[in-house]
């Protein structure tokens, strides 16, 4: 794969001994930018300081000309200055944008050669170290895109297809009771049962601000989360939560007793992006199997 590289840096690579350092630029979903380098000293590149981090180690980047997915990993030591266990478990590093490049740390005027751009995939944290998979942009080419016809609504609540202004429905309050890391209560949350089911709850205060978790169920002010938080929620902690959509829309003239989140909860049937089974002809109809001859 060809690289955009300056003449000076290309000549430096051709030397028997080089002074090359690898750098990473991470941009998390919450907007925080983290920059690190394998160089023994900090580097100032494009107005950003790339911190020298002992224990941050790259693996080889595998690239092919046939469009295969680029794979690489970065391993490092957990620290509050770079990535802490709490941040990783809370999902703050999930799908962070990544740019990997190399420079001549003795002459930054030679420019840089970008090795890979993409997002973080699987991020694993142990007691003292972490491992992060860097997925290239080709990863998106292996995922289903475009419109998919099926019985389940393909839209996500609040996206361009759904069109519901979900932020206008965000509820903010404070916790009044905590049973454990997964079960928390807010007596001021008087919404109907399951209003926040399948929604997303976000912590807004304290050292874990920004941590999010999907709501498994909601009833009488009690939230049961899909997974436990990585920290201990406390009474008085501020939070906000978005209502969820279970993507159910089964009520109609043929099924008047069916359930419809789209109609009853959001009054948004016009933007329901699914197709009931009655609209699909089925394999027998398509293939002409079992049809009687005229």
C-alpha atoms as a PDB file:
ATOM      1  CA  UNK A   1       0.000   0.000   0.000  1.00  0.00           C
ATOM      2  CA  UNK A   2       1.522   3.325  -1.053  1.00  0.00           C
ATOM      3  CA  UNK A   3       2.138   5.960   1.599  1.00  0.00           C
ATOM      4  CA  UNK A   4       2.278   9.731   1.373  1.00  0.00           C
ATOM      5  CA  UNK A   5       5.815  10.332   2.606  1.00  0.00           C
ATOM      6  CA  UNK A   6       8.230  13.211   2.173  1.00  0.00           C
ATOM      7  CA  UNK A   7      11.476  12.753   0.245  1.00  0.00           C
ATOM      8  CA  UNK A   8      13.514  13.525   3.375  1.00  0.00           C
ATOM      9  CA  UNK A   9      11.681  11.002   5.535  1.00  0.00           C
ATOM     10  CA  UNK A  10      11.864   8.377   2.789  1.00  0.00           C
ATOM     11  CA  UNK A  11      15.626   8.862   2.616  1.00  0.00           C
ATOM     12  CA  UNK A  12      15.833   8.532   6.388  1.00  0.00           C
ATOM     13  CA  UNK A  13      14.017   5.182   6.236  1.00  0.00           C
ATOM     14  CA  UNK A  14      16.641   4.006   3.741  1.00  0.00           C
ATOM     15  CA  UNK A  15      19.446   4.512   6.254  1.00  0.00           C
ATOM     16  CA  UNK A  16      20.857   1.578   8.123  1.00  0.00           C
ATOM     17  CA  UNK A  17      20.057   3.221  11.463  1.00  0.00           C
ATOM     18  CA  UNK A  18      16.997   5.425  11.980  1.00  0.00           C
ATOM     19  CA  UNK A  19      15.476   7.567  14.721  1.00  0.00           C
ATOM     20  CA  UNK A  20      11.846   6.721  14.073  1.00  0.00           C
ATOM     21  CA  UNK A  21       9.140   6.995  16.735  1.00  0.00           C
ATOM     22  CA  UNK A  22       5.561   5.779  16.456  1.00  0.00           C
ATOM     23  CA  UNK A  23       2.729   8.036  17.627  1.00  0.00           C
ATOM     24  CA  UNK A  24      -0.951   7.539  18.380  1.00  0.00           C
ATOM     25  CA  UNK A  25      -3.680  10.141  18.404  1.00  0.00           C
ATOM     26  CA  UNK A  26      -6.890   9.010  20.105  1.00  0.00           C
ATOM     27  CA  UNK A  27     -10.130  10.981  20.100  1.00  0.00           C
ATOM     28  CA  UNK A  28     -12.677   9.493  22.445  1.00  0.00           C
ATOM     29  CA  UNK A  29     -16.437   9.761  22.024  1.00  0.00           C
ATOM     30  CA  UNK A  30     -16.608  12.353  24.795  1.00  0.00           C
ATOM     31  CA  UNK A  31     -14.254  14.602  22.793  1.00  0.00           C
ATOM     32  CA  UNK A  32     -11.135  14.022  24.908  1.00  0.00           C
ATOM     33  CA  UNK A  33      -7.964  13.824  22.797  1.00  0.00           C
ATOM     34  CA  UNK A  34      -5.089  11.663  24.049  1.00  0.00           C
ATOM     35  CA  UNK A  35      -1.710  11.637  22.300  1.00  0.00           C
ATOM     36  CA  UNK A  36       1.207   9.311  23.100  1.00  0.00           C
ATOM     37  CA  UNK A  37       4.483   8.273  21.509  1.00  0.00           C
ATOM     38  CA  UNK A  38       7.100   5.555  21.852  1.00  0.00           C
ATOM     39  CA  UNK A  39       9.821   8.218  21.859  1.00  0.00           C
ATOM     40  CA  UNK A  40      11.799   8.589  25.085  1.00  0.00           C
ATOM     41  CA  UNK A  41      10.775  12.268  25.277  1.00  0.00           C
ATOM     42  CA  UNK A  42       7.638  14.275  24.608  1.00  0.00           C
ATOM     43  CA  UNK A  43       7.127  15.511  21.038  1.00  0.00           C
ATOM     44  CA  UNK A  44       5.299  18.655  19.868  1.00  0.00           C
ATOM     45  CA  UNK A  45       3.506  17.766  16.626  1.00  0.00           C
ATOM     46  CA  UNK A  46       0.915  19.998  14.951  1.00  0.00           C
ATOM     47  CA  UNK A  47       0.435  21.965  18.154  1.00  0.00           C
ATOM     48  CA  UNK A  48      -0.251  18.859  20.257  1.00  0.00           C
ATOM     49  CA  UNK A  49       2.098  17.342  22.822  1.00  0.00           C
ATOM     50  CA  UNK A  50       2.620  13.612  22.339  1.00  0.00           C
ATOM     51  CA  UNK A  51       3.510  12.261  25.756  1.00  0.00           C
ATOM     52  CA  UNK A  52       6.257   9.721  26.169  1.00  0.00           C
ATOM     53  CA  UNK A  53       4.648   6.709  27.789  1.00  0.00           C
ATOM     54  CA  UNK A  54       6.679   3.805  29.087  1.00  0.00           C
ATOM     55  CA  UNK A  55       4.913   0.507  28.593  1.00  0.00           C
ATOM     56  CA  UNK A  56       2.906   1.520  25.506  1.00  0.00           C
ATOM     57  CA  UNK A  57       3.876  -1.043  22.882  1.00  0.00           C
ATOM     58  CA  UNK A  58       2.599  -1.432  19.303  1.00  0.00           C
ATOM     59  CA  UNK A  59       2.281  -4.593  17.268  1.00  0.00           C
ATOM     60  CA  UNK A  60       2.991  -4.892  13.573  1.00  0.00           C
ATOM     61  CA  UNK A  61       0.349  -3.471  11.245  1.00  0.00           C
ATOM     62  CA  UNK A  62      -0.747  -5.972   8.582  1.00  0.00           C
ATOM     63  CA  UNK A  63      -1.888  -4.356   5.327  1.00  0.00           C
ATOM     64  CA  UNK A  64      -2.756  -5.891   1.970  1.00  0.00           C
ATOM     65  CA  UNK A  65      -3.484  -4.416  -1.429  1.00  0.00           C
ATOM     66  CA  UNK A  66      -6.673  -6.466  -1.847  1.00  0.00           C
ATOM     67  CA  UNK A  67      -8.745  -4.369   0.544  1.00  0.00           C
ATOM     68  CA  UNK A  68      -8.475  -6.774   3.480  1.00  0.00           C
ATOM     69  CA  UNK A  69      -8.998  -5.337   6.949  1.00  0.00           C
ATOM     70  CA  UNK A  70      -5.916  -3.800   8.551  1.00  0.00           C
ATOM     71  CA  UNK A  71      -5.193  -5.328  11.935  1.00  0.00           C
ATOM     72  CA  UNK A  72      -2.982  -4.079  14.739  1.00  0.00           C
ATOM     73  CA  UNK A  73      -2.997  -3.797  18.499  1.00  0.00           C
ATOM     74  CA  UNK A  74      -1.616  -1.523  21.142  1.00  0.00           C
ATOM     75  CA  UNK A  75      -0.691  -2.765  24.599  1.00  0.00           C
ATOM     76  CA  UNK A  76       0.038  -0.583  27.565  1.00  0.00           C
ATOM     77  CA  UNK A  77       0.087  -0.022  31.279  1.00  0.00           C
ATOM     78  CA  UNK A  78      -3.018   1.369  32.919  1.00  0.00           C
ATOM     79  CA  UNK A  79      -2.602   4.868  34.334  1.00  0.00           C
ATOM     80  CA  UNK A  80      -4.723   7.900  35.105  1.00  0.00           C
ATOM     81  CA  UNK A  81      -2.643   9.902  32.599  1.00  0.00           C
ATOM     82  CA  UNK A  82      -3.523   7.662  29.664  1.00  0.00           C
ATOM     83  CA  UNK A  83      -6.238   5.039  30.146  1.00  0.00           C
ATOM     84  CA  UNK A  84      -7.565   3.892  33.499  1.00  0.00           C
ATOM     85  CA  UNK A  85      -9.410   0.653  34.199  1.00  0.00           C
ATOM     86  CA  UNK A  86     -12.537   2.599  35.152  1.00  0.00           C
ATOM     87  CA  UNK A  87     -12.542   4.525  31.844  1.00  0.00           C
ATOM     88  CA  UNK A  88     -12.150   1.344  29.807  1.00  0.00           C
ATOM     89  CA  UNK A  89     -14.821  -0.631  31.657  1.00  0.00           C
ATOM     90  CA  UNK A  90     -17.176   2.369  31.489  1.00  0.00           C
ATOM     91  CA  UNK A  91     -16.892   2.331  27.690  1.00  0.00           C
ATOM     92  CA  UNK A  92     -15.273   5.749  27.281  1.00  0.00           C
ATOM     93  CA  UNK A  93     -12.645   4.246  24.964  1.00  0.00           C
ATOM     94  CA  UNK A  94     -15.060   2.214  22.844  1.00  0.00           C
ATOM     95  CA  UNK A  95     -14.959   3.166  19.150  1.00  0.00           C
ATOM     96  CA  UNK A  96     -12.472   5.980  19.769  1.00  0.00           C
ATOM     97  CA  UNK A  97     -10.979   7.425  16.557  1.00  0.00           C
ATOM     98  CA  UNK A  98      -7.328   6.482  16.104  1.00  0.00           C
ATOM     99  CA  UNK A  99      -4.538   7.766  13.881  1.00  0.00           C
ATOM    100  CA  UNK A 100      -1.206   5.905  13.933  1.00  0.00           C
ATOM    101  CA  UNK A 101       1.843   7.506  12.327  1.00  0.00           C
ATOM    102  CA  UNK A 102       5.625   7.637  12.490  1.00  0.00           C
ATOM    103  CA  UNK A 103       8.056  10.570  12.613  1.00  0.00           C
ATOM    104  CA  UNK A 104      11.780  11.169  12.847  1.00  0.00           C
ATOM    105  CA  UNK A 105      11.894  12.425  16.424  1.00  0.00           C
ATOM    106  CA  UNK A 106      15.245  14.158  15.798  1.00  0.00           C
ATOM    107  CA  UNK A 107      13.878  16.142  12.851  1.00  0.00           C
ATOM    108  CA  UNK A 108      10.116  16.613  12.950  1.00  0.00           C
ATOM    109  CA  UNK A 109      10.314  18.885   9.900  1.00  0.00           C
ATOM    110  CA  UNK A 110      10.555  15.737   7.776  1.00  0.00           C
ATOM    111  CA  UNK A 111       6.840  15.304   8.333  1.00  0.00           C
ATOM    112  CA  UNK A 112       5.031  12.125   9.181  1.00  0.00           C
ATOM    113  CA  UNK A 113       3.883   8.963   7.477  1.00  0.00           C
ATOM    114  CA  UNK A 114       0.407   7.778   8.453  1.00  0.00           C
ATOM    115  CA  UNK A 115       0.356   4.030   8.984  1.00  0.00           C
ATOM    116  CA  UNK A 116      -3.281   3.520   9.859  1.00  0.00           C
ATOM    117  CA  UNK A 117      -6.512   5.308  10.660  1.00  0.00           C
ATOM    118  CA  UNK A 118      -9.599   3.747  12.146  1.00  0.00           C
ATOM    119  CA  UNK A 119     -11.309   3.095  15.443  1.00  0.00           C
ATOM    120  CA  UNK A 120     -10.667   1.083  18.561  1.00  0.00           C
ATOM    121  CA  UNK A 121     -12.344  -2.292  18.568  1.00  0.00           C
ATOM    122  CA  UNK A 122     -12.110  -4.662  21.500  1.00  0.00           C
ATOM    123  CA  UNK A 123     -10.494  -3.017  24.528  1.00  0.00           C
ATOM    124  CA  UNK A 124      -9.551  -5.311  27.403  1.00  0.00           C
ATOM    125  CA  UNK A 125      -8.280  -4.258  30.808  1.00  0.00           C
ATOM    126  CA  UNK A 126      -6.485  -6.381  33.385  1.00  0.00           C
ATOM    127  CA  UNK A 127      -5.201  -5.485  36.808  1.00  0.00           C
ATOM    128  CA  UNK A 128      -2.382  -3.326  35.524  1.00  0.00           C
ATOM    129  CA  UNK A 129      -2.409  -3.428  31.714  1.00  0.00           C
ATOM    130  CA  UNK A 130      -4.733  -3.062  28.754  1.00  0.00           C
ATOM    131  CA  UNK A 131      -4.948  -4.356  25.205  1.00  0.00           C
ATOM    132  CA  UNK A 132      -6.738  -2.481  22.427  1.00  0.00           C
ATOM    133  CA  UNK A 133      -7.522  -3.645  18.904  1.00  0.00           C
ATOM    134  CA  UNK A 134      -7.117  -0.980  16.203  1.00  0.00           C
ATOM    135  CA  UNK A 135      -9.558  -1.555  13.351  1.00  0.00           C
ATOM    136  CA  UNK A 136      -8.869   0.005   9.976  1.00  0.00           C
ATOM    137  CA  UNK A 137     -11.465   1.841   7.932  1.00  0.00           C
ATOM    138  CA  UNK A 138     -11.901  -1.255   5.741  1.00  0.00           C
ATOM    139  CA  UNK A 139     -13.675  -2.835   8.714  1.00  0.00           C
ATOM    140  CA  UNK A 140     -16.766  -0.803   7.837  1.00  0.00           C
ATOM    141  CA  UNK A 141     -16.817  -2.358   4.359  1.00  0.00           C
ATOM    142  CA  UNK A 142     -17.522  -5.761   5.917  1.00  0.00           C
ATOM    143  CA  UNK A 143     -20.672  -4.552   7.653  1.00  0.00           C
ATOM    144  CA  UNK A 144     -24.164  -4.402   6.257  1.00  0.00           C
ATOM    145  CA  UNK A 145     -24.994  -0.957   4.928  1.00  0.00           C
ATOM    146  CA  UNK A 146     -27.974   0.533   3.198  1.00  0.00           C
ATOM    147  CA  UNK A 147     -31.595  -0.447   3.671  1.00  0.00           C
ATOM    148  CA  UNK A 148     -32.354  -3.904   4.973  1.00  0.00           C
ATOM    149  CA  UNK A 149     -35.872  -5.293   4.685  1.00  0.00           C
ATOM    150  CA  UNK A 150     -37.031  -7.231   7.728  1.00  0.00           C
ATOM    151  CA  UNK A 151     -39.645  -7.457  10.474  1.00  0.00           C
ATOM    152  CA  UNK A 152     -37.528  -5.442  12.954  1.00  0.00           C
ATOM    153  CA  UNK A 153     -37.262  -1.671  12.666  1.00  0.00           C
ATOM    154  CA  UNK A 154     -33.838  -0.853  11.236  1.00  0.00           C
ATOM    155  CA  UNK A 155     -33.771   2.690  12.682  1.00  0.00           C
ATOM    156  CA  UNK A 156     -32.262   3.637  16.011  1.00  0.00           C
ATOM    157  CA  UNK A 157     -34.248   5.941  18.252  1.00  0.00           C
ATOM    158  CA  UNK A 158     -33.385   9.526  17.386  1.00  0.00           C
ATOM    159  CA  UNK A 159     -31.394   8.882  14.193  1.00  0.00           C
ATOM    160  CA  UNK A 160     -32.056  10.364  10.759  1.00  0.00           C
ATOM    161  CA  UNK A 161     -34.513   7.609   9.855  1.00  0.00           C
ATOM    162  CA  UNK A 162     -36.415   7.651  13.136  1.00  0.00           C
ATOM    163  CA  UNK A 163     -36.520  11.478  13.340  1.00  0.00           C
ATOM    164  CA  UNK A 164     -37.658  11.553  17.001  1.00  0.00           C
ATOM    165  CA  UNK A 165     -36.007  14.424  18.910  1.00  0.00           C
ATOM    166  CA  UNK A 166     -34.773  12.100  21.613  1.00  0.00           C
ATOM    167  CA  UNK A 167     -32.678  14.741  23.416  1.00  0.00           C
ATOM    168  CA  UNK A 168     -35.861  16.693  24.120  1.00  0.00           C
ATOM    169  CA  UNK A 169     -37.032  13.608  26.051  1.00  0.00           C
ATOM    170  CA  UNK A 170     -33.868  13.290  28.179  1.00  0.00           C
ATOM    171  CA  UNK A 171     -34.690  13.122  31.892  1.00  0.00           C
ATOM    172  CA  UNK A 172     -32.184  14.479  34.426  1.00  0.00           C
ATOM    173  CA  UNK A 173     -32.276  13.906  38.173  1.00  0.00           C
ATOM    174  CA  UNK A 174     -30.297  12.434  41.097  1.00  0.00           C
ATOM    175  CA  UNK A 175     -30.189   8.976  42.654  1.00  0.00           C
ATOM    176  CA  UNK A 176     -32.114   8.490  45.887  1.00  0.00           C
ATOM    177  CA  UNK A 177     -31.161   4.871  46.616  1.00  0.00           C
ATOM    178  CA  UNK A 178     -28.562   2.349  45.451  1.00  0.00           C
ATOM    179  CA  UNK A 179     -29.005  -1.410  45.887  1.00  0.00           C
ATOM    180  CA  UNK A 180     -25.889  -2.435  43.974  1.00  0.00           C
ATOM    181  CA  UNK A 181     -23.928  -1.479  40.871  1.00  0.00           C
ATOM    182  CA  UNK A 182     -26.757  -2.636  38.637  1.00  0.00           C
ATOM    183  CA  UNK A 183     -29.892  -1.616  40.553  1.00  0.00           C
ATOM    184  CA  UNK A 184     -30.409   2.062  41.344  1.00  0.00           C
ATOM    185  CA  UNK A 185     -33.444   4.141  42.299  1.00  0.00           C
ATOM    186  CA  UNK A 186     -34.742   7.661  41.782  1.00  0.00           C
ATOM    187  CA  UNK A 187     -38.002   8.356  43.597  1.00  0.00           C
ATOM    188  CA  UNK A 188     -38.543  11.416  41.381  1.00  0.00           C
ATOM    189  CA  UNK A 189     -38.694   9.255  38.239  1.00  0.00           C
ATOM    190  CA  UNK A 190     -42.459   8.753  37.988  1.00  0.00           C
ATOM    191  CA  UNK A 191     -42.633   7.810  34.306  1.00  0.00           C
ATOM    192  CA  UNK A 192     -44.696   4.738  33.295  1.00  0.00           C
ATOM    193  CA  UNK A 193     -43.187   1.287  33.658  1.00  0.00           C
ATOM    194  CA  UNK A 194     -40.608   0.422  30.989  1.00  0.00           C
ATOM    195  CA  UNK A 195     -40.489   4.038  29.780  1.00  0.00           C
ATOM    196  CA  UNK A 196     -36.699   3.928  30.019  1.00  0.00           C
ATOM    197  CA  UNK A 197     -36.385   0.235  29.143  1.00  0.00           C
ATOM    198  CA  UNK A 198     -33.743  -0.208  26.398  1.00  0.00           C
ATOM    199  CA  UNK A 199     -32.727   3.426  26.934  1.00  0.00           C
ATOM    200  CA  UNK A 200     -29.307   4.724  27.949  1.00  0.00           C
ATOM    201  CA  UNK A 201     -28.457   6.085  31.406  1.00  0.00           C
ATOM    202  CA  UNK A 202     -25.474   8.420  31.753  1.00  0.00           C
ATOM    203  CA  UNK A 203     -23.719   9.526  34.933  1.00  0.00           C
ATOM    204  CA  UNK A 204     -23.323  13.313  35.007  1.00  0.00           C
ATOM    205  CA  UNK A 205     -21.329  13.977  38.199  1.00  0.00           C
ATOM    206  CA  UNK A 206     -18.353  12.642  40.105  1.00  0.00           C
ATOM    207  CA  UNK A 207     -15.171  10.989  38.814  1.00  0.00           C
ATOM    208  CA  UNK A 208     -17.222   8.622  36.636  1.00  0.00           C
ATOM    209  CA  UNK A 209     -19.090  11.381  34.788  1.00  0.00           C
ATOM    210  CA  UNK A 210     -19.764  10.355  31.206  1.00  0.00           C
ATOM    211  CA  UNK A 211     -20.100   6.635  31.946  1.00  0.00           C
ATOM    212  CA  UNK A 212     -23.126   5.160  30.175  1.00  0.00           C
ATOM    213  CA  UNK A 213     -25.064   1.920  30.455  1.00  0.00           C
ATOM    214  CA  UNK A 214     -28.170   0.555  28.749  1.00  0.00           C
ATOM    215  CA  UNK A 215     -31.262   0.188  30.916  1.00  0.00           C
ATOM    216  CA  UNK A 216     -32.583  -3.370  31.055  1.00  0.00           C
ATOM    217  CA  UNK A 217     -35.844  -2.504  32.813  1.00  0.00           C
ATOM    218  CA  UNK A 218     -37.531   0.389  34.615  1.00  0.00           C
ATOM    219  CA  UNK A 219     -40.437   0.317  37.050  1.00  0.00           C
ATOM    220  CA  UNK A 220     -41.611   2.660  39.846  1.00  0.00           C
ATOM    221  CA  UNK A 221     -38.388   4.670  39.778  1.00  0.00           C
ATOM    222  CA  UNK A 222     -36.118   1.615  39.899  1.00  0.00           C
ATOM    223  CA  UNK A 223     -33.564   1.161  37.111  1.00  0.00           C
ATOM    224  CA  UNK A 224     -32.091  -2.278  36.450  1.00  0.00           C
ATOM    225  CA  UNK A 225     -29.128  -1.872  34.133  1.00  0.00           C
ATOM    226  CA  UNK A 226     -28.098  -4.295  31.405  1.00  0.00           C
ATOM    227  CA  UNK A 227     -24.680  -4.681  33.048  1.00  0.00           C
ATOM    228  CA  UNK A 228     -23.270  -3.448  36.371  1.00  0.00           C
ATOM    229  CA  UNK A 229     -21.360  -0.186  36.432  1.00  0.00           C
ATOM    230  CA  UNK A 230     -17.593  -0.500  36.915  1.00  0.00           C
ATOM    231  CA  UNK A 231     -17.848   1.804  39.941  1.00  0.00           C
ATOM    232  CA  UNK A 232     -20.105   2.149  42.963  1.00  0.00           C
ATOM    233  CA  UNK A 233     -23.000   4.551  42.286  1.00  0.00           C
ATOM    234  CA  UNK A 234     -23.809   6.806  45.223  1.00  0.00           C
ATOM    235  CA  UNK A 235     -26.950   8.464  46.549  1.00  0.00           C
ATOM    236  CA  UNK A 236     -27.125  12.053  45.302  1.00  0.00           C
ATOM    237  CA  UNK A 237     -25.182  11.291  42.121  1.00  0.00           C
ATOM    238  CA  UNK A 238     -26.526  13.233  39.127  1.00  0.00           C
ATOM    239  CA  UNK A 239     -27.586  11.312  36.060  1.00  0.00           C
ATOM    240  CA  UNK A 240     -29.582  11.663  32.870  1.00  0.00           C
ATOM    241  CA  UNK A 241     -31.438   8.998  30.928  1.00  0.00           C
ATOM    242  CA  UNK A 242     -33.016   8.669  27.513  1.00  0.00           C
ATOM    243  CA  UNK A 243     -36.207   6.686  26.929  1.00  0.00           C
ATOM    244  CA  UNK A 244     -35.789   3.449  25.032  1.00  0.00           C
ATOM    245  CA  UNK A 245     -37.553   1.918  22.082  1.00  0.00           C
ATOM    246  CA  UNK A 246     -38.195  -1.820  21.998  1.00  0.00           C
ATOM    247  CA  UNK A 247     -39.034  -1.501  18.273  1.00  0.00           C
ATOM    248  CA  UNK A 248     -42.447  -3.097  18.742  1.00  0.00           C
ATOM    249  CA  UNK A 249     -45.261  -2.207  16.367  1.00  0.00           C
ATOM    250  CA  UNK A 250     -47.671  -5.102  16.192  1.00  0.00           C
ATOM    251  CA  UNK A 251     -51.004  -3.359  16.637  1.00  0.00           C
ATOM    252  CA  UNK A 252     -53.141  -2.842  13.560  1.00  0.00           C
ATOM    253  CA  UNK A 253     -56.508  -3.697  12.069  1.00  0.00           C
ATOM    254  CA  UNK A 254     -55.603  -7.400  12.200  1.00  0.00           C
ATOM    255  CA  UNK A 255     -54.134  -7.216  15.700  1.00  0.00           C
ATOM    256  CA  UNK A 256     -55.922  -4.472  17.660  1.00  0.00           C
ATOM    257  CA  UNK A 257     -54.509  -5.683  21.004  1.00  0.00           C
ATOM    258  CA  UNK A 258     -50.878  -5.583  19.866  1.00  0.00           C
ATOM    259  CA  UNK A 259     -48.125  -3.453  21.387  1.00  0.00           C
ATOM    260  CA  UNK A 260     -46.767  -0.393  19.628  1.00  0.00           C
ATOM    261  CA  UNK A 261     -43.927   1.695  21.048  1.00  0.00           C
ATOM    262  CA  UNK A 262     -43.861   3.631  17.807  1.00  0.00           C
ATOM    263  CA  UNK A 263     -47.503   4.724  18.108  1.00  0.00           C
ATOM    264  CA  UNK A 264     -48.209   4.958  21.837  1.00  0.00           C
ATOM    265  CA  UNK A 265     -44.828   6.115  23.114  1.00  0.00           C
ATOM    266  CA  UNK A 266     -43.496   8.346  20.359  1.00  0.00           C
ATOM    267  CA  UNK A 267     -46.423   8.916  17.962  1.00  0.00           C
ATOM    268  CA  UNK A 268     -44.024   8.150  15.136  1.00  0.00           C
ATOM    269  CA  UNK A 269     -45.613   5.365  13.092  1.00  0.00           C
ATOM    270  CA  UNK A 270     -44.972   7.259   9.870  1.00  0.00           C
ATOM    271  CA  UNK A 271     -41.233   6.660  10.387  1.00  0.00           C
ATOM    272  CA  UNK A 272     -41.459   2.987  11.385  1.00  0.00           C
ATOM    273  CA  UNK A 273     -38.715   1.284   9.355  1.00  0.00           C
ATOM    274  CA  UNK A 274     -39.757  -2.355   9.283  1.00  0.00           C
ATOM    275  CA  UNK A 275     -41.983  -4.652   7.287  1.00  0.00           C
ATOM    276  CA  UNK A 276     -44.432  -7.156   8.778  1.00  0.00           C
ATOM    277  CA  UNK A 277     -44.182 -10.799   7.651  1.00  0.00           C
ATOM    278  CA  UNK A 278     -47.384 -10.397   5.618  1.00  0.00           C
ATOM    279  CA  UNK A 279     -45.472  -8.115   3.243  1.00  0.00           C
ATOM    280  CA  UNK A 280     -42.882 -10.802   2.424  1.00  0.00           C
ATOM    281  CA  UNK A 281     -43.883 -13.412  -0.130  1.00  0.00           C
ATOM    282  CA  UNK A 282     -41.682 -16.117   1.389  1.00  0.00           C
ATOM    283  CA  UNK A 283     -39.362 -18.624  -0.287  1.00  0.00           C
ATOM    284  CA  UNK A 284     -42.171 -20.895  -1.485  1.00  0.00           C
ATOM    285  CA  UNK A 285     -43.825 -18.036  -3.324  1.00  0.00           C
ATOM    286  CA  UNK A 286     -40.571 -16.778  -4.788  1.00  0.00           C
ATOM    287  CA  UNK A 287     -39.380 -20.199  -5.925  1.00  0.00           C
ATOM    288  CA  UNK A 288     -42.817 -21.344  -7.028  1.00  0.00           C
ATOM    289  CA  UNK A 289     -42.806 -24.359  -4.708  1.00  0.00           C
ATOM    290  CA  UNK A 290     -46.071 -26.035  -3.837  1.00  0.00           C
ATOM    291  CA  UNK A 291     -48.103 -24.084  -6.380  1.00  0.00           C
ATOM    292  CA  UNK A 292     -50.864 -25.905  -8.197  1.00  0.00           C
ATOM    293  CA  UNK A 293     -50.727 -26.104 -11.973  1.00  0.00           C
ATOM    294  CA  UNK A 294     -53.438 -24.361 -13.904  1.00  0.00           C
END
